[in-house]
Amino acid sequence: MDTQTMEVKIVKKELAFVDKILKAYEGLAMVTVVGTEGEIGRLKLEFTEGTKDDLLKILNDLQNKVSLEIIEEE
């Protein structure tokens, strides 16, 4: 299986919340905090084609609750 990656930009104070939500879905994606700059944090998500749709649905739902932006997708 080929692994794909994307990065998500999020307000730093919401970083732990989103990290824990995504990690609660075991097998959905590997989540890594890749850094923070001021009030913004970044998460790196590694996932497979088979989990991509579910991951995007969850991220879209989270956008209704926190300030979250997909900034890079490979």
N, C-alpha and C. Protein backbone atom coordinates (compact mmCIF):
# COMPACT_ATOMS: atom_id res chain seq x y z
N MET A 1 0.83 -1.19 0.00
CA MET A 1 0.00 0.00 0.00
C MET A 1 0.87 1.24 0.00
N ASP A 2 0.51 2.16 -0.84
CA ASP A 2 1.22 3.43 -0.88
C ASP A 2 0.67 4.37 0.18
N THR A 3 1.56 5.05 0.85
CA THR A 3 1.16 6.02 1.86
C THR A 3 1.14 7.40 1.24
N GLN A 4 0.09 8.14 1.55
CA GLN A 4 -0.04 9.52 1.13
C GLN A 4 0.10 10.41 2.35
N THR A 5 0.43 11.67 2.14
CA THR A 5 0.56 12.60 3.27
C THR A 5 -0.18 13.90 2.99
N MET A 6 -0.57 14.54 4.06
CA MET A 6 -1.08 15.90 3.99
C MET A 6 -0.70 16.60 5.28
N GLU A 7 -0.66 17.92 5.20
CA GLU A 7 -0.42 18.71 6.40
C GLU A 7 -1.66 19.54 6.67
N VAL A 8 -1.92 19.74 7.95
CA VAL A 8 -3.07 20.51 8.38
C VAL A 8 -2.57 21.63 9.27
N LYS A 9 -3.05 22.83 9.00
CA LYS A 9 -2.71 24.00 9.82
C LYS A 9 -3.89 24.26 10.75
N ILE A 10 -3.58 24.49 12.01
CA ILE A 10 -4.63 24.65 13.02
C ILE A 10 -4.18 25.61 14.10
N VAL A 11 -5.13 26.29 14.70
CA VAL A 11 -4.82 27.18 15.82
C VAL A 11 -4.18 26.36 16.93
N LYS A 12 -3.09 26.84 17.45
CA LYS A 12 -2.27 26.11 18.43
C LYS A 12 -3.07 25.60 19.62
N LYS A 13 -4.01 26.39 20.13
CA LYS A 13 -4.76 25.98 21.31
C LYS A 13 -5.70 24.81 21.01
N GLU A 14 -5.97 24.52 19.74
CA GLU A 14 -6.82 23.40 19.35
C GLU A 14 -6.02 22.19 18.87
N LEU A 15 -4.71 22.32 18.85
CA LEU A 15 -3.83 21.28 18.31
C LEU A 15 -3.99 19.94 19.03
N ALA A 16 -3.95 19.95 20.34
CA ALA A 16 -4.06 18.70 21.11
C ALA A 16 -5.43 18.06 20.90
N PHE A 17 -6.49 18.85 20.84
CA PHE A 17 -7.84 18.34 20.63
C PHE A 17 -7.93 17.58 19.31
N VAL A 18 -7.48 18.21 18.22
CA VAL A 18 -7.56 17.58 16.90
C VAL A 18 -6.64 16.36 16.84
N ASP A 19 -5.46 16.46 17.42
CA ASP A 19 -4.53 15.34 17.47
C ASP A 19 -5.19 14.13 18.13
N LYS A 20 -5.83 14.33 19.25
CA LYS A 20 -6.46 13.22 19.98
C LYS A 20 -7.67 12.67 19.24
N ILE A 21 -8.45 13.52 18.60
CA ILE A 21 -9.60 13.05 17.83
C ILE A 21 -9.12 12.13 16.71
N LEU A 22 -8.12 12.55 15.96
CA LEU A 22 -7.64 11.75 14.84
C LEU A 22 -6.99 10.45 15.32
N LYS A 23 -6.25 10.51 16.41
CA LYS A 23 -5.61 9.30 16.93
C LYS A 23 -6.63 8.31 17.50
N ALA A 24 -7.80 8.81 17.90
CA ALA A 24 -8.85 7.93 18.41
C ALA A 24 -9.39 6.99 17.33
N TYR A 25 -9.29 7.41 16.08
CA TYR A 25 -9.69 6.56 14.96
C TYR A 25 -8.50 5.70 14.57
N GLU A 26 -8.24 4.67 15.33
CA GLU A 26 -7.07 3.82 15.10
C GLU A 26 -7.06 3.28 13.68
N GLY A 27 -5.92 3.38 13.04
CA GLY A 27 -5.76 2.87 11.69
C GLY A 27 -6.16 3.85 10.60
N LEU A 28 -6.71 5.00 10.99
CA LEU A 28 -7.14 5.98 10.01
C LEU A 28 -5.94 6.71 9.40
N ALA A 29 -5.07 7.21 10.26
CA ALA A 29 -3.91 7.96 9.80
C ALA A 29 -2.87 8.00 10.92
N MET A 30 -1.63 8.12 10.52
CA MET A 30 -0.57 8.36 11.49
C MET A 30 -0.46 9.88 11.64
N VAL A 31 -0.59 10.36 12.85
CA VAL A 31 -0.62 11.80 13.12
C VAL A 31 0.65 12.20 13.84
N THR A 32 1.31 13.24 13.31
CA THR A 32 2.53 13.76 13.91
C THR A 32 2.45 15.27 13.99
N VAL A 33 2.75 15.84 15.16
CA VAL A 33 2.84 17.29 15.28
C VAL A 33 4.20 17.68 14.70
N VAL A 34 4.18 18.50 13.65
CA VAL A 34 5.44 18.85 12.99
C VAL A 34 5.96 20.23 13.37
N GLY A 35 5.20 20.96 14.15
CA GLY A 35 5.73 22.23 14.62
C GLY A 35 4.65 23.25 14.89
N THR A 36 5.09 24.33 15.50
CA THR A 36 4.22 25.47 15.76
C THR A 36 4.97 26.74 15.43
N GLU A 37 4.21 27.72 14.97
CA GLU A 37 4.75 29.05 14.69
C GLU A 37 3.77 30.06 15.25
N GLY A 38 4.15 30.72 16.34
CA GLY A 38 3.24 31.67 16.96
C GLY A 38 1.99 30.97 17.44
N GLU A 39 0.85 31.36 16.93
CA GLU A 39 -0.44 30.79 17.34
C GLU A 39 -0.91 29.66 16.44
N ILE A 40 -0.09 29.25 15.47
CA ILE A 40 -0.48 28.22 14.50
C ILE A 40 0.37 26.97 14.68
N GLY A 41 -0.29 25.83 14.62
CA GLY A 41 0.41 24.54 14.68
C GLY A 41 0.16 23.76 13.40
N ARG A 42 1.00 22.77 13.16
CA ARG A 42 0.86 21.93 11.97
C ARG A 42 0.89 20.46 12.35
N LEU A 43 -0.01 19.72 11.74
CA LEU A 43 -0.03 18.28 11.88
C LEU A 43 0.29 17.65 10.54
N LYS A 44 1.09 16.60 10.56
CA LYS A 44 1.35 15.81 9.36
C LYS A 44 0.51 14.54 9.49
N LEU A 45 -0.27 14.24 8.46
CA LEU A 45 -1.11 13.06 8.45
C LEU A 45 -0.64 12.13 7.35
N GLU A 46 -0.34 10.89 7.71
CA GLU A 46 0.03 9.87 6.75
C GLU A 46 -1.10 8.84 6.71
N PHE A 47 -1.57 8.52 5.51
CA PHE A 47 -2.75 7.67 5.37
C PHE A 47 -2.67 6.89 4.06
N THR A 48 -3.56 5.94 3.90
CA THR A 48 -3.62 5.17 2.67
C THR A 48 -4.84 5.61 1.85
N GLU A 49 -4.86 5.22 0.61
CA GLU A 49 -5.99 5.55 -0.27
C GLU A 49 -7.30 5.04 0.33
N GLY A 50 -7.24 3.90 1.00
CA GLY A 50 -8.43 3.31 1.59
C GLY A 50 -9.02 4.09 2.75
N THR A 51 -8.23 4.93 3.41
CA THR A 51 -8.74 5.70 4.54
C THR A 51 -8.91 7.18 4.21
N LYS A 52 -8.53 7.58 3.01
CA LYS A 52 -8.54 9.00 2.64
C LYS A 52 -9.93 9.62 2.74
N ASP A 53 -10.95 8.96 2.19
CA ASP A 53 -12.29 9.54 2.22
C ASP A 53 -12.79 9.76 3.64
N ASP A 54 -12.59 8.76 4.51
CA ASP A 54 -13.02 8.90 5.90
C ASP A 54 -12.25 10.02 6.59
N LEU A 55 -10.95 10.10 6.33
CA LEU A 55 -10.13 11.15 6.93
C LEU A 55 -10.63 12.54 6.51
N LEU A 56 -10.92 12.70 5.22
CA LEU A 56 -11.39 14.00 4.74
C LEU A 56 -12.77 14.34 5.32
N LYS A 57 -13.63 13.36 5.51
CA LYS A 57 -14.93 13.61 6.13
C LYS A 57 -14.75 14.11 7.56
N ILE A 58 -13.85 13.48 8.29
CA ILE A 58 -13.60 13.89 9.68
C ILE A 58 -13.00 15.29 9.71
N LEU A 59 -12.04 15.57 8.84
CA LEU A 59 -11.43 16.90 8.80
C LEU A 59 -12.47 17.97 8.43
N ASN A 60 -13.34 17.66 7.48
CA ASN A 60 -14.38 18.61 7.09
C ASN A 60 -15.33 18.88 8.25
N ASP A 61 -15.67 17.84 9.01
CA ASP A 61 -16.53 18.02 10.18
C ASP A 61 -15.81 18.85 11.24
N LEU A 62 -14.53 18.60 11.45
CA LEU A 62 -13.77 19.36 12.44
C LEU A 62 -13.67 20.84 12.08
N GLN A 63 -13.70 21.14 10.77
CA GLN A 63 -13.64 22.54 10.34
C GLN A 63 -14.84 23.33 10.83
N ASN A 64 -15.94 22.65 11.14
CA ASN A 64 -17.11 23.32 11.69
C ASN A 64 -16.94 23.64 13.18
N LYS A 65 -15.93 23.05 13.80
CA LYS A 65 -15.71 23.22 15.23
C LYS A 65 -14.46 24.02 15.59
N VAL A 66 -13.44 23.91 14.75
CA VAL A 66 -12.17 24.60 15.00
C VAL A 66 -11.65 25.19 13.69
N SER A 67 -10.73 26.14 13.82
CA SER A 67 -10.10 26.72 12.64
C SER A 67 -9.03 25.76 12.13
N LEU A 68 -9.31 25.12 11.02
CA LEU A 68 -8.44 24.06 10.50
C LEU A 68 -8.35 24.22 8.98
N GLU A 69 -7.16 24.07 8.44
CA GLU A 69 -6.96 24.22 7.00
C GLU A 69 -6.00 23.15 6.50
N ILE A 70 -6.39 22.44 5.46
CA ILE A 70 -5.48 21.50 4.79
C ILE A 70 -4.57 22.36 3.92
N ILE A 71 -3.26 22.29 4.18
CA ILE A 71 -2.35 23.18 3.47
C ILE A 71 -1.48 22.47 2.45
N GLU A 72 -1.41 21.15 2.52
CA GLU A 72 -0.56 20.43 1.59
C GLU A 72 -1.05 19.00 1.48
N GLU A 73 -1.12 18.52 0.25
CA GLU A 73 -1.52 17.13 0.04
C GLU A 73 -0.66 16.55 -1.06
N GLU A 74 -0.13 15.38 -0.81
CA GLU A 74 0.72 14.70 -1.80
C GLU A 74 0.05 13.42 -2.23
